[in-house]
């Protein structure tokens, strides 16, 4: 779970990434 520190501006999160699903018809 998120903590919080100076590097992440105390949010517990740093950056984003994509998740996806691909449905071939």
PDBML (XML) file of the C-alpha atoms, coordinates in Angstrom:
<?xml version="1.0" encoding="UTF-8" ?>
<PDBx:datablock datablockName="MODEL"
   xmlns:PDBx="http://pdbml.pdb.org/schema/pdbx-v50.xsd"
   xmlns:xsi="http://www.w3.org/2001/XMLSchema-instance"
   xsi:schemaLocation="http://pdbml.pdb.org/schema/pdbx-v50.xsd pdbx-v50.xsd">
   <PDBx:atom_siteCategory>
      <PDBx:atom_site id="1">
         <PDBx:B_iso_or_equiv>0.00</PDBx:B_iso_or_equiv>
         <PDBx:Cartn_x>0.000</PDBx:Cartn_x>
         <PDBx:Cartn_y>0.000</PDBx:Cartn_y>
         <PDBx:Cartn_z>0.000</PDBx:Cartn_z>
         <PDBx:auth_asym_id>A</PDBx:auth_asym_id>
         <PDBx:auth_atom_id>CA</PDBx:auth_atom_id>
         <PDBx:auth_comp_id>UNK</PDBx:auth_comp_id>
         <PDBx:auth_seq_id>1</PDBx:auth_seq_id>
         <PDBx:group_PDB>ATOM</PDBx:group_PDB>
         <PDBx:label_alt_id xsi:nil="true" />
         <PDBx:label_asym_id>A</PDBx:label_asym_id>
         <PDBx:label_atom_id>CA</PDBx:label_atom_id>
         <PDBx:label_comp_id>UNK</PDBx:label_comp_id>
         <PDBx:label_entity_id>1</PDBx:label_entity_id>
         <PDBx:label_seq_id>1</PDBx:label_seq_id>
         <PDBx:occupancy>1.00</PDBx:occupancy>
         <PDBx:pdbx_PDB_model_num>1</PDBx:pdbx_PDB_model_num>
         <PDBx:type_symbol>C</PDBx:type_symbol>
      </PDBx:atom_site>
      <PDBx:atom_site id="2">
         <PDBx:B_iso_or_equiv>0.00</PDBx:B_iso_or_equiv>
         <PDBx:Cartn_x>1.168</PDBx:Cartn_x>
         <PDBx:Cartn_y>3.593</PDBx:Cartn_y>
         <PDBx:Cartn_z>-0.421</PDBx:Cartn_z>
         <PDBx:auth_asym_id>A</PDBx:auth_asym_id>
         <PDBx:auth_atom_id>CA</PDBx:auth_atom_id>
         <PDBx:auth_comp_id>UNK</PDBx:auth_comp_id>
         <PDBx:auth_seq_id>2</PDBx:auth_seq_id>
         <PDBx:group_PDB>ATOM</PDBx:group_PDB>
         <PDBx:label_alt_id xsi:nil="true" />
         <PDBx:label_asym_id>A</PDBx:label_asym_id>
         <PDBx:label_atom_id>CA</PDBx:label_atom_id>
         <PDBx:label_comp_id>UNK</PDBx:label_comp_id>
         <PDBx:label_entity_id>1</PDBx:label_entity_id>
         <PDBx:label_seq_id>2</PDBx:label_seq_id>
         <PDBx:occupancy>1.00</PDBx:occupancy>
         <PDBx:pdbx_PDB_model_num>1</PDBx:pdbx_PDB_model_num>
         <PDBx:type_symbol>C</PDBx:type_symbol>
      </PDBx:atom_site>
      <PDBx:atom_site id="3">
         <PDBx:B_iso_or_equiv>0.00</PDBx:B_iso_or_equiv>
         <PDBx:Cartn_x>3.403</PDBx:Cartn_x>
         <PDBx:Cartn_y>5.145</PDBx:Cartn_y>
         <PDBx:Cartn_z>2.209</PDBx:Cartn_z>
         <PDBx:auth_asym_id>A</PDBx:auth_asym_id>
         <PDBx:auth_atom_id>CA</PDBx:auth_atom_id>
         <PDBx:auth_comp_id>UNK</PDBx:auth_comp_id>
         <PDBx:auth_seq_id>3</PDBx:auth_seq_id>
         <PDBx:group_PDB>ATOM</PDBx:group_PDB>
         <PDBx:label_alt_id xsi:nil="true" />
         <PDBx:label_asym_id>A</PDBx:label_asym_id>
         <PDBx:label_atom_id>CA</PDBx:label_atom_id>
         <PDBx:label_comp_id>UNK</PDBx:label_comp_id>
         <PDBx:label_entity_id>1</PDBx:label_entity_id>
         <PDBx:label_seq_id>3</PDBx:label_seq_id>
         <PDBx:occupancy>1.00</PDBx:occupancy>
         <PDBx:pdbx_PDB_model_num>1</PDBx:pdbx_PDB_model_num>
         <PDBx:type_symbol>C</PDBx:type_symbol>
      </PDBx:atom_site>
      <PDBx:atom_site id="4">
         <PDBx:B_iso_or_equiv>0.00</PDBx:B_iso_or_equiv>
         <PDBx:Cartn_x>4.568</PDBx:Cartn_x>
         <PDBx:Cartn_y>8.677</PDBx:Cartn_y>
         <PDBx:Cartn_z>1.610</PDBx:Cartn_z>
         <PDBx:auth_asym_id>A</PDBx:auth_asym_id>
         <PDBx:auth_atom_id>CA</PDBx:auth_atom_id>
         <PDBx:auth_comp_id>UNK</PDBx:auth_comp_id>
         <PDBx:auth_seq_id>4</PDBx:auth_seq_id>
         <PDBx:group_PDB>ATOM</PDBx:group_PDB>
         <PDBx:label_alt_id xsi:nil="true" />
         <PDBx:label_asym_id>A</PDBx:label_asym_id>
         <PDBx:label_atom_id>CA</PDBx:label_atom_id>
         <PDBx:label_comp_id>UNK</PDBx:label_comp_id>
         <PDBx:label_entity_id>1</PDBx:label_entity_id>
         <PDBx:label_seq_id>4</PDBx:label_seq_id>
         <PDBx:occupancy>1.00</PDBx:occupancy>
         <PDBx:pdbx_PDB_model_num>1</PDBx:pdbx_PDB_model_num>
         <PDBx:type_symbol>C</PDBx:type_symbol>
      </PDBx:atom_site>
      <PDBx:atom_site id="5">
         <PDBx:B_iso_or_equiv>0.00</PDBx:B_iso_or_equiv>
         <PDBx:Cartn_x>7.987</PDBx:Cartn_x>
         <PDBx:Cartn_y>10.252</PDBx:Cartn_y>
         <PDBx:Cartn_z>1.317</PDBx:Cartn_z>
         <PDBx:auth_asym_id>A</PDBx:auth_asym_id>
         <PDBx:auth_atom_id>CA</PDBx:auth_atom_id>
         <PDBx:auth_comp_id>UNK</PDBx:auth_comp_id>
         <PDBx:auth_seq_id>5</PDBx:auth_seq_id>
         <PDBx:group_PDB>ATOM</PDBx:group_PDB>
         <PDBx:label_alt_id xsi:nil="true" />
         <PDBx:label_asym_id>A</PDBx:label_asym_id>
         <PDBx:label_atom_id>CA</PDBx:label_atom_id>
         <PDBx:label_comp_id>UNK</PDBx:label_comp_id>
         <PDBx:label_entity_id>1</PDBx:label_entity_id>
         <PDBx:label_seq_id>5</PDBx:label_seq_id>
         <PDBx:occupancy>1.00</PDBx:occupancy>
         <PDBx:pdbx_PDB_model_num>1</PDBx:pdbx_PDB_model_num>
         <PDBx:type_symbol>C</PDBx:type_symbol>
      </PDBx:atom_site>
      <PDBx:atom_site id="6">
         <PDBx:B_iso_or_equiv>0.00</PDBx:B_iso_or_equiv>
         <PDBx:Cartn_x>9.717</PDBx:Cartn_x>
         <PDBx:Cartn_y>13.299</PDBx:Cartn_y>
         <PDBx:Cartn_z>-0.121</PDBx:Cartn_z>
         <PDBx:auth_asym_id>A</PDBx:auth_asym_id>
         <PDBx:auth_atom_id>CA</PDBx:auth_atom_id>
         <PDBx:auth_comp_id>UNK</PDBx:auth_comp_id>
         <PDBx:auth_seq_id>6</PDBx:auth_seq_id>
         <PDBx:group_PDB>ATOM</PDBx:group_PDB>
         <PDBx:label_alt_id xsi:nil="true" />
         <PDBx:label_asym_id>A</PDBx:label_asym_id>
         <PDBx:label_atom_id>CA</PDBx:label_atom_id>
         <PDBx:label_comp_id>UNK</PDBx:label_comp_id>
         <PDBx:label_entity_id>1</PDBx:label_entity_id>
         <PDBx:label_seq_id>6</PDBx:label_seq_id>
         <PDBx:occupancy>1.00</PDBx:occupancy>
         <PDBx:pdbx_PDB_model_num>1</PDBx:pdbx_PDB_model_num>
         <PDBx:type_symbol>C</PDBx:type_symbol>
      </PDBx:atom_site>
      <PDBx:atom_site id="7">
         <PDBx:B_iso_or_equiv>0.00</PDBx:B_iso_or_equiv>
         <PDBx:Cartn_x>10.466</PDBx:Cartn_x>
         <PDBx:Cartn_y>11.555</PDBx:Cartn_y>
         <PDBx:Cartn_z>-3.450</PDBx:Cartn_z>
         <PDBx:auth_asym_id>A</PDBx:auth_asym_id>
         <PDBx:auth_atom_id>CA</PDBx:auth_atom_id>
         <PDBx:auth_comp_id>UNK</PDBx:auth_comp_id>
         <PDBx:auth_seq_id>7</PDBx:auth_seq_id>
         <PDBx:group_PDB>ATOM</PDBx:group_PDB>
         <PDBx:label_alt_id xsi:nil="true" />
         <PDBx:label_asym_id>A</PDBx:label_asym_id>
         <PDBx:label_atom_id>CA</PDBx:label_atom_id>
         <PDBx:label_comp_id>UNK</PDBx:label_comp_id>
         <PDBx:label_entity_id>1</PDBx:label_entity_id>
         <PDBx:label_seq_id>7</PDBx:label_seq_id>
         <PDBx:occupancy>1.00</PDBx:occupancy>
         <PDBx:pdbx_PDB_model_num>1</PDBx:pdbx_PDB_model_num>
         <PDBx:type_symbol>C</PDBx:type_symbol>
      </PDBx:atom_site>
      <PDBx:atom_site id="8">
         <PDBx:B_iso_or_equiv>0.00</PDBx:B_iso_or_equiv>
         <PDBx:Cartn_x>6.743</PDBx:Cartn_x>
         <PDBx:Cartn_y>10.988</PDBx:Cartn_y>
         <PDBx:Cartn_z>-4.177</PDBx:Cartn_z>
         <PDBx:auth_asym_id>A</PDBx:auth_asym_id>
         <PDBx:auth_atom_id>CA</PDBx:auth_atom_id>
         <PDBx:auth_comp_id>UNK</PDBx:auth_comp_id>
         <PDBx:auth_seq_id>8</PDBx:auth_seq_id>
         <PDBx:group_PDB>ATOM</PDBx:group_PDB>
         <PDBx:label_alt_id xsi:nil="true" />
         <PDBx:label_asym_id>A</PDBx:label_asym_id>
         <PDBx:label_atom_id>CA</PDBx:label_atom_id>
         <PDBx:label_comp_id>UNK</PDBx:label_comp_id>
         <PDBx:label_entity_id>1</PDBx:label_entity_id>
         <PDBx:label_seq_id>8</PDBx:label_seq_id>
         <PDBx:occupancy>1.00</PDBx:occupancy>
         <PDBx:pdbx_PDB_model_num>1</PDBx:pdbx_PDB_model_num>
         <PDBx:type_symbol>C</PDBx:type_symbol>
      </PDBx:atom_site>
      <PDBx:atom_site id="9">
         <PDBx:B_iso_or_equiv>0.00</PDBx:B_iso_or_equiv>
         <PDBx:Cartn_x>5.601</PDBx:Cartn_x>
         <PDBx:Cartn_y>14.264</PDBx:Cartn_y>
         <PDBx:Cartn_z>-2.621</PDBx:Cartn_z>
         <PDBx:auth_asym_id>A</PDBx:auth_asym_id>
         <PDBx:auth_atom_id>CA</PDBx:auth_atom_id>
         <PDBx:auth_comp_id>UNK</PDBx:auth_comp_id>
         <PDBx:auth_seq_id>9</PDBx:auth_seq_id>
         <PDBx:group_PDB>ATOM</PDBx:group_PDB>
         <PDBx:label_alt_id xsi:nil="true" />
         <PDBx:label_asym_id>A</PDBx:label_asym_id>
         <PDBx:label_atom_id>CA</PDBx:label_atom_id>
         <PDBx:label_comp_id>UNK</PDBx:label_comp_id>
         <PDBx:label_entity_id>1</PDBx:label_entity_id>
         <PDBx:label_seq_id>9</PDBx:label_seq_id>
         <PDBx:occupancy>1.00</PDBx:occupancy>
         <PDBx:pdbx_PDB_model_num>1</PDBx:pdbx_PDB_model_num>
         <PDBx:type_symbol>C</PDBx:type_symbol>
      </PDBx:atom_site>
      <PDBx:atom_site id="10">
         <PDBx:B_iso_or_equiv>0.00</PDBx:B_iso_or_equiv>
         <PDBx:Cartn_x>4.062</PDBx:Cartn_x>
         <PDBx:Cartn_y>12.256</PDBx:Cartn_y>
         <PDBx:Cartn_z>0.259</PDBx:Cartn_z>
         <PDBx:auth_asym_id>A</PDBx:auth_asym_id>
         <PDBx:auth_atom_id>CA</PDBx:auth_atom_id>
         <PDBx:auth_comp_id>UNK</PDBx:auth_comp_id>
         <PDBx:auth_seq_id>10</PDBx:auth_seq_id>
         <PDBx:group_PDB>ATOM</PDBx:group_PDB>
         <PDBx:label_alt_id xsi:nil="true" />
         <PDBx:label_asym_id>A</PDBx:label_asym_id>
         <PDBx:label_atom_id>CA</PDBx:label_atom_id>
         <PDBx:label_comp_id>UNK</PDBx:label_comp_id>
         <PDBx:label_entity_id>1</PDBx:label_entity_id>
         <PDBx:label_seq_id>10</PDBx:label_seq_id>
         <PDBx:occupancy>1.00</PDBx:occupancy>
         <PDBx:pdbx_PDB_model_num>1</PDBx:pdbx_PDB_model_num>
         <PDBx:type_symbol>C</PDBx:type_symbol>
      </PDBx:atom_site>
      <PDBx:atom_site id="11">
         <PDBx:B_iso_or_equiv>0.00</PDBx:B_iso_or_equiv>
         <PDBx:Cartn_x>1.430</PDBx:Cartn_x>
         <PDBx:Cartn_y>10.648</PDBx:Cartn_y>
         <PDBx:Cartn_z>-1.991</PDBx:Cartn_z>
         <PDBx:auth_asym_id>A</PDBx:auth_asym_id>
         <PDBx:auth_atom_id>CA</PDBx:auth_atom_id>
         <PDBx:auth_comp_id>UNK</PDBx:auth_comp_id>
         <PDBx:auth_seq_id>11</PDBx:auth_seq_id>
         <PDBx:group_PDB>ATOM</PDBx:group_PDB>
         <PDBx:label_alt_id xsi:nil="true" />
         <PDBx:label_asym_id>A</PDBx:label_asym_id>
         <PDBx:label_atom_id>CA</PDBx:label_atom_id>
         <PDBx:label_comp_id>UNK</PDBx:label_comp_id>
         <PDBx:label_entity_id>1</PDBx:label_entity_id>
         <PDBx:label_seq_id>11</PDBx:label_seq_id>
         <PDBx:occupancy>1.00</PDBx:occupancy>
         <PDBx:pdbx_PDB_model_num>1</PDBx:pdbx_PDB_model_num>
         <PDBx:type_symbol>C</PDBx:type_symbol>
      </PDBx:atom_site>
      <PDBx:atom_site id="12">
         <PDBx:B_iso_or_equiv>0.00</PDBx:B_iso_or_equiv>
         <PDBx:Cartn_x>2.800</PDBx:Cartn_x>
         <PDBx:Cartn_y>7.095</PDBx:Cartn_y>
         <PDBx:Cartn_z>-1.930</PDBx:Cartn_z>
         <PDBx:auth_asym_id>A</PDBx:auth_asym_id>
         <PDBx:auth_atom_id>CA</PDBx:auth_atom_id>
         <PDBx:auth_comp_id>UNK</PDBx:auth_comp_id>
         <PDBx:auth_seq_id>12</PDBx:auth_seq_id>
         <PDBx:group_PDB>ATOM</PDBx:group_PDB>
         <PDBx:label_alt_id xsi:nil="true" />
         <PDBx:label_asym_id>A</PDBx:label_asym_id>
         <PDBx:label_atom_id>CA</PDBx:label_atom_id>
         <PDBx:label_comp_id>UNK</PDBx:label_comp_id>
         <PDBx:label_entity_id>1</PDBx:label_entity_id>
         <PDBx:label_seq_id>12</PDBx:label_seq_id>
         <PDBx:occupancy>1.00</PDBx:occupancy>
         <PDBx:pdbx_PDB_model_num>1</PDBx:pdbx_PDB_model_num>
         <PDBx:type_symbol>C</PDBx:type_symbol>
      </PDBx:atom_site>
      <PDBx:atom_site id="13">
         <PDBx:B_iso_or_equiv>0.00</PDBx:B_iso_or_equiv>
         <PDBx:Cartn_x>2.717</PDBx:Cartn_x>
         <PDBx:Cartn_y>6.972</PDBx:Cartn_y>
         <PDBx:Cartn_z>-5.735</PDBx:Cartn_z>
         <PDBx:auth_asym_id>A</PDBx:auth_asym_id>
         <PDBx:auth_atom_id>CA</PDBx:auth_atom_id>
         <PDBx:auth_comp_id>UNK</PDBx:auth_comp_id>
         <PDBx:auth_seq_id>13</PDBx:auth_seq_id>
         <PDBx:group_PDB>ATOM</PDBx:group_PDB>
         <PDBx:label_alt_id xsi:nil="true" />
         <PDBx:label_asym_id>A</PDBx:label_asym_id>
         <PDBx:label_atom_id>CA</PDBx:label_atom_id>
         <PDBx:label_comp_id>UNK</PDBx:label_comp_id>
         <PDBx:label_entity_id>1</PDBx:label_entity_id>
         <PDBx:label_seq_id>13</PDBx:label_seq_id>
         <PDBx:occupancy>1.00</PDBx:occupancy>
         <PDBx:pdbx_PDB_model_num>1</PDBx:pdbx_PDB_model_num>
         <PDBx:type_symbol>C</PDBx:type_symbol>
      </PDBx:atom_site>
      <PDBx:atom_site id="14">
         <PDBx:B_iso_or_equiv>0.00</PDBx:B_iso_or_equiv>
         <PDBx:Cartn_x>5.318</PDBx:Cartn_x>
         <PDBx:Cartn_y>7.968</PDBx:Cartn_y>
         <PDBx:Cartn_z>-8.310</PDBx:Cartn_z>
         <PDBx:auth_asym_id>A</PDBx:auth_asym_id>
         <PDBx:auth_atom_id>CA</PDBx:auth_atom_id>
         <PDBx:auth_comp_id>UNK</PDBx:auth_comp_id>
         <PDBx:auth_seq_id>14</PDBx:auth_seq_id>
         <PDBx:group_PDB>ATOM</PDBx:group_PDB>
         <PDBx:label_alt_id xsi:nil="true" />
         <PDBx:label_asym_id>A</PDBx:label_asym_id>
         <PDBx:label_atom_id>CA</PDBx:label_atom_id>
         <PDBx:label_comp_id>UNK</PDBx:label_comp_id>
         <PDBx:label_entity_id>1</PDBx:label_entity_id>
         <PDBx:label_seq_id>14</PDBx:label_seq_id>
         <PDBx:occupancy>1.00</PDBx:occupancy>
         <PDBx:pdbx_PDB_model_num>1</PDBx:pdbx_PDB_model_num>
         <PDBx:type_symbol>C</PDBx:type_symbol>
      </PDBx:atom_site>
      <PDBx:atom_site id="15">
         <PDBx:B_iso_or_equiv>0.00</PDBx:B_iso_or_equiv>
         <PDBx:Cartn_x>4.363</PDBx:Cartn_x>
         <PDBx:Cartn_y>7.843</PDBx:Cartn_y>
         <PDBx:Cartn_z>-11.979</PDBx:Cartn_z>
         <PDBx:auth_asym_id>A</PDBx:auth_asym_id>
         <PDBx:auth_atom_id>CA</PDBx:auth_atom_id>
         <PDBx:auth_comp_id>UNK</PDBx:auth_comp_id>
         <PDBx:auth_seq_id>15</PDBx:auth_seq_id>
         <PDBx:group_PDB>ATOM</PDBx:group_PDB>
         <PDBx:label_alt_id xsi:nil="true" />
         <PDBx:label_asym_id>A</PDBx:label_asym_id>
         <PDBx:label_atom_id>CA</PDBx:label_atom_id>
         <PDBx:label_comp_id>UNK</PDBx:label_comp_id>
         <PDBx:label_entity_id>1</PDBx:label_entity_id>
         <PDBx:label_seq_id>15</PDBx:label_seq_id>
         <PDBx:occupancy>1.00</PDBx:occupancy>
         <PDBx:pdbx_PDB_model_num>1</PDBx:pdbx_PDB_model_num>
         <PDBx:type_symbol>C</PDBx:type_symbol>
      </PDBx:atom_site>
      <PDBx:atom_site id="16">
         <PDBx:B_iso_or_equiv>0.00</PDBx:B_iso_or_equiv>
         <PDBx:Cartn_x>1.770</PDBx:Cartn_x>
         <PDBx:Cartn_y>5.834</PDBx:Cartn_y>
         <PDBx:Cartn_z>-13.865</PDBx:Cartn_z>
         <PDBx:auth_asym_id>A</PDBx:auth_asym_id>
         <PDBx:auth_atom_id>CA</PDBx:auth_atom_id>
         <PDBx:auth_comp_id>UNK</PDBx:auth_comp_id>
         <PDBx:auth_seq_id>16</PDBx:auth_seq_id>
         <PDBx:group_PDB>ATOM</PDBx:group_PDB>
         <PDBx:label_alt_id xsi:nil="true" />
         <PDBx:label_asym_id>A</PDBx:label_asym_id>
         <PDBx:label_atom_id>CA</PDBx:label_atom_id>
         <PDBx:label_comp_id>UNK</PDBx:label_comp_id>
         <PDBx:label_entity_id>1</PDBx:label_entity_id>
         <PDBx:label_seq_id>16</PDBx:label_seq_id>
         <PDBx:occupancy>1.00</PDBx:occupancy>
         <PDBx:pdbx_PDB_model_num>1</PDBx:pdbx_PDB_model_num>
         <PDBx:type_symbol>C</PDBx:type_symbol>
      </PDBx:atom_site>
      <PDBx:atom_site id="17">
         <PDBx:B_iso_or_equiv>0.00</PDBx:B_iso_or_equiv>
         <PDBx:Cartn_x>1.605</PDBx:Cartn_x>
         <PDBx:Cartn_y>2.838</PDBx:Cartn_y>
         <PDBx:Cartn_z>-16.153</PDBx:Cartn_z>
         <PDBx:auth_asym_id>A</PDBx:auth_asym_id>
         <PDBx:auth_atom_id>CA</PDBx:auth_atom_id>
         <PDBx:auth_comp_id>UNK</PDBx:auth_comp_id>
         <PDBx:auth_seq_id>17</PDBx:auth_seq_id>
         <PDBx:group_PDB>ATOM</PDBx:group_PDB>
         <PDBx:label_alt_id xsi:nil="true" />
         <PDBx:label_asym_id>A</PDBx:label_asym_id>
         <PDBx:label_atom_id>CA</PDBx:label_atom_id>
         <PDBx:label_comp_id>UNK</PDBx:label_comp_id>
         <PDBx:label_entity_id>1</PDBx:label_entity_id>
         <PDBx:label_seq_id>17</PDBx:label_seq_id>
         <PDBx:occupancy>1.00</PDBx:occupancy>
         <PDBx:pdbx_PDB_model_num>1</PDBx:pdbx_PDB_model_num>
         <PDBx:type_symbol>C</PDBx:type_symbol>
      </PDBx:atom_site>
      <PDBx:atom_site id="18">
         <PDBx:B_iso_or_equiv>0.00</PDBx:B_iso_or_equiv>
         <PDBx:Cartn_x>-1.017</PDBx:Cartn_x>
         <PDBx:Cartn_y>1.469</PDBx:Cartn_y>
         <PDBx:Cartn_z>-18.539</PDBx:Cartn_z>
         <PDBx:auth_asym_id>A</PDBx:auth_asym_id>
         <PDBx:auth_atom_id>CA</PDBx:auth_atom_id>
         <PDBx:auth_comp_id>UNK</PDBx:auth_comp_id>
         <PDBx:auth_seq_id>18</PDBx:auth_seq_id>
         <PDBx:group_PDB>ATOM</PDBx:group_PDB>
         <PDBx:label_alt_id xsi:nil="true" />
         <PDBx:label_asym_id>A</PDBx:label_asym_id>
         <PDBx:label_atom_id>CA</PDBx:label_atom_id>
         <PDBx:label_comp_id>UNK</PDBx:label_comp_id>
         <PDBx:label_entity_id>1</PDBx:label_entity_id>
         <PDBx:label_seq_id>18</PDBx:label_seq_id>
         <PDBx:occupancy>1.00</PDBx:occupancy>
         <PDBx:pdbx_PDB_model_num>1</PDBx:pdbx_PDB_model_num>
         <PDBx:type_symbol>C</PDBx:type_symbol>
      </PDBx:atom_site>
      <PDBx:atom_site id="19">
         <PDBx:B_iso_or_equiv>0.00</PDBx:B_iso_or_equiv>
         <PDBx:Cartn_x>-3.033</PDBx:Cartn_x>
         <PDBx:Cartn_y>-1.695</PDBx:Cartn_y>
         <PDBx:Cartn_z>-18.125</PDBx:Cartn_z>
         <PDBx:auth_asym_id>A</PDBx:auth_asym_id>
         <PDBx:auth_atom_id>CA</PDBx:auth_atom_id>
         <PDBx:auth_comp_id>UNK</PDBx:auth_comp_id>
         <PDBx:auth_seq_id>19</PDBx:auth_seq_id>
         <PDBx:group_PDB>ATOM</PDBx:group_PDB>
         <PDBx:label_alt_id xsi:nil="true" />
         <PDBx:label_asym_id>A</PDBx:label_asym_id>
         <PDBx:label_atom_id>CA</PDBx:label_atom_id>
         <PDBx:label_comp_id>UNK</PDBx:label_comp_id>
         <PDBx:label_entity_id>1</PDBx:label_entity_id>
         <PDBx:label_seq_id>19</PDBx:label_seq_id>
         <PDBx:occupancy>1.00</PDBx:occupancy>
         <PDBx:pdbx_PDB_model_num>1</PDBx:pdbx_PDB_model_num>
         <PDBx:type_symbol>C</PDBx:type_symbol>
      </PDBx:atom_site>
      <PDBx:atom_site id="20">
         <PDBx:B_iso_or_equiv>0.00</PDBx:B_iso_or_equiv>
         <PDBx:Cartn_x>-5.222</PDBx:Cartn_x>
         <PDBx:Cartn_y>-2.916</PDBx:Cartn_y>
         <PDBx:Cartn_z>-20.928</PDBx:Cartn_z>
         <PDBx:auth_asym_id>A</PDBx:auth_asym_id>
         <PDBx:auth_atom_id>CA</PDBx:auth_atom_id>
         <PDBx:auth_comp_id>UNK</PDBx:auth_comp_id>
         <PDBx:auth_seq_id>20</PDBx:auth_seq_id>
         <PDBx:group_PDB>ATOM</PDBx:group_PDB>
         <PDBx:label_alt_id xsi:nil="true" />
         <PDBx:label_asym_id>A</PDBx:label_asym_id>
         <PDBx:label_atom_id>CA</PDBx:label_atom_id>
         <PDBx:label_comp_id>UNK</PDBx:label_comp_id>
         <PDBx:label_entity_id>1</PDBx:label_entity_id>
         <PDBx:label_seq_id>20</PDBx:label_seq_id>
         <PDBx:occupancy>1.00</PDBx:occupancy>
         <PDBx:pdbx_PDB_model_num>1</PDBx:pdbx_PDB_model_num>
         <PDBx:type_symbol>C</PDBx:type_symbol>
      </PDBx:atom_site>
      <PDBx:atom_site id="21">
         <PDBx:B_iso_or_equiv>0.00</PDBx:B_iso_or_equiv>
         <PDBx:Cartn_x>-7.329</PDBx:Cartn_x>
         <PDBx:Cartn_y>-5.658</PDBx:Cartn_y>
         <PDBx:Cartn_z>-22.397</PDBx:Cartn_z>
         <PDBx:auth_asym_id>A</PDBx:auth_asym_id>
         <PDBx:auth_atom_id>CA</PDBx:auth_atom_id>
         <PDBx:auth_comp_id>UNK</PDBx:auth_comp_id>
         <PDBx:auth_seq_id>21</PDBx:auth_seq_id>
         <PDBx:group_PDB>ATOM</PDBx:group_PDB>
         <PDBx:label_alt_id xsi:nil="true" />
         <PDBx:label_asym_id>A</PDBx:label_asym_id>
         <PDBx:label_atom_id>CA</PDBx:label_atom_id>
         <PDBx:label_comp_id>UNK</PDBx:label_comp_id>
         <PDBx:label_entity_id>1</PDBx:label_entity_id>
         <PDBx:label_seq_id>21</PDBx:label_seq_id>
         <PDBx:occupancy>1.00</PDBx:occupancy>
         <PDBx:pdbx_PDB_model_num>1</PDBx:pdbx_PDB_model_num>
         <PDBx:type_symbol>C</PDBx:type_symbol>
      </PDBx:atom_site>
      <PDBx:atom_site id="22">
         <PDBx:B_iso_or_equiv>0.00</PDBx:B_iso_or_equiv>
         <PDBx:Cartn_x>-7.623</PDBx:Cartn_x>
         <PDBx:Cartn_y>-6.422</PDBx:Cartn_y>
         <PDBx:Cartn_z>-26.094</PDBx:Cartn_z>
         <PDBx:auth_asym_id>A</PDBx:auth_asym_id>
         <PDBx:auth_atom_id>CA</PDBx:auth_atom_id>
         <PDBx:auth_comp_id>UNK</PDBx:auth_comp_id>
         <PDBx:auth_seq_id>22</PDBx:auth_seq_id>
         <PDBx:group_PDB>ATOM</PDBx:group_PDB>
         <PDBx:label_alt_id xsi:nil="true" />
         <PDBx:label_asym_id>A</PDBx:label_asym_id>
         <PDBx:label_atom_id>CA</PDBx:label_atom_id>
         <PDBx:label_comp_id>UNK</PDBx:label_comp_id>
         <PDBx:label_entity_id>1</PDBx:label_entity_id>
         <PDBx:label_seq_id>22</PDBx:label_seq_id>
         <PDBx:occupancy>1.00</PDBx:occupancy>
         <PDBx:pdbx_PDB_model_num>1</PDBx:pdbx_PDB_model_num>
         <PDBx:type_symbol>C</PDBx:type_symbol>
      </PDBx:atom_site>
      <PDBx:atom_site id="23">
         <PDBx:B_iso_or_equiv>0.00</PDBx:B_iso_or_equiv>
         <PDBx:Cartn_x>-10.691</PDBx:Cartn_x>
         <PDBx:Cartn_y>-8.234</PDBx:Cartn_y>
         <PDBx:Cartn_z>-27.380</PDBx:Cartn_z>
         <PDBx:auth_asym_id>A</PDBx:auth_asym_id>
         <PDBx:auth_atom_id>CA</PDBx:auth_atom_id>
         <PDBx:auth_comp_id>UNK</PDBx:auth_comp_id>
         <PDBx:auth_seq_id>23</PDBx:auth_seq_id>
         <PDBx:group_PDB>ATOM</PDBx:group_PDB>
         <PDBx:label_alt_id xsi:nil="true" />
         <PDBx:label_asym_id>A</PDBx:label_asym_id>
         <PDBx:label_atom_id>CA</PDBx:label_atom_id>
         <PDBx:label_comp_id>UNK</PDBx:label_comp_id>
         <PDBx:label_entity_id>1</PDBx:label_entity_id>
         <PDBx:label_seq_id>23</PDBx:label_seq_id>
         <PDBx:occupancy>1.00</PDBx:occupancy>
         <PDBx:pdbx_PDB_model_num>1</PDBx:pdbx_PDB_model_num>
         <PDBx:type_symbol>C</PDBx:type_symbol>
      </PDBx:atom_site>
      <PDBx:atom_site id="24">
         <PDBx:B_iso_or_equiv>0.00</PDBx:B_iso_or_equiv>
         <PDBx:Cartn_x>-10.257</PDBx:Cartn_x>
         <PDBx:Cartn_y>-9.692</PDBx:Cartn_y>
         <PDBx:Cartn_z>-30.843</PDBx:Cartn_z>
         <PDBx:auth_asym_id>A</PDBx:auth_asym_id>
         <PDBx:auth_atom_id>CA</PDBx:auth_atom_id>
         <PDBx:auth_comp_id>UNK</PDBx:auth_comp_id>
         <PDBx:auth_seq_id>24</PDBx:auth_seq_id>
         <PDBx:group_PDB>ATOM</PDBx:group_PDB>
         <PDBx:label_alt_id xsi:nil="true" />
         <PDBx:label_asym_id>A</PDBx:label_asym_id>
         <PDBx:label_atom_id>CA</PDBx:label_atom_id>
         <PDBx:label_comp_id>UNK</PDBx:label_comp_id>
         <PDBx:label_entity_id>1</PDBx:label_entity_id>
         <PDBx:label_seq_id>24</PDBx:label_seq_id>
         <PDBx:occupancy>1.00</PDBx:occupancy>
         <PDBx:pdbx_PDB_model_num>1</PDBx:pdbx_PDB_model_num>
         <PDBx:type_symbol>C</PDBx:type_symbol>
      </PDBx:atom_site>
      <PDBx:atom_site id="25">
         <PDBx:B_iso_or_equiv>0.00</PDBx:B_iso_or_equiv>
         <PDBx:Cartn_x>-13.632</PDBx:Cartn_x>
         <PDBx:Cartn_y>-10.210</PDBx:Cartn_y>
         <PDBx:Cartn_z>-32.453</PDBx:Cartn_z>
         <PDBx:auth_asym_id>A</PDBx:auth_asym_id>
         <PDBx:auth_atom_id>CA</PDBx:auth_atom_id>
         <PDBx:auth_comp_id>UNK</PDBx:auth_comp_id>
         <PDBx:auth_seq_id>25</PDBx:auth_seq_id>
         <PDBx:group_PDB>ATOM</PDBx:group_PDB>
         <PDBx:label_alt_id xsi:nil="true" />
         <PDBx:label_asym_id>A</PDBx:label_asym_id>
         <PDBx:label_atom_id>CA</PDBx:label_atom_id>
         <PDBx:label_comp_id>UNK</PDBx:label_comp_id>
         <PDBx:label_entity_id>1</PDBx:label_entity_id>
         <PDBx:label_seq_id>25</PDBx:label_seq_id>
         <PDBx:occupancy>1.00</PDBx:occupancy>
         <PDBx:pdbx_PDB_model_num>1</PDBx:pdbx_PDB_model_num>
         <PDBx:type_symbol>C</PDBx:type_symbol>
      </PDBx:atom_site>
   </PDBx:atom_siteCategory>
</PDBx:datablock>
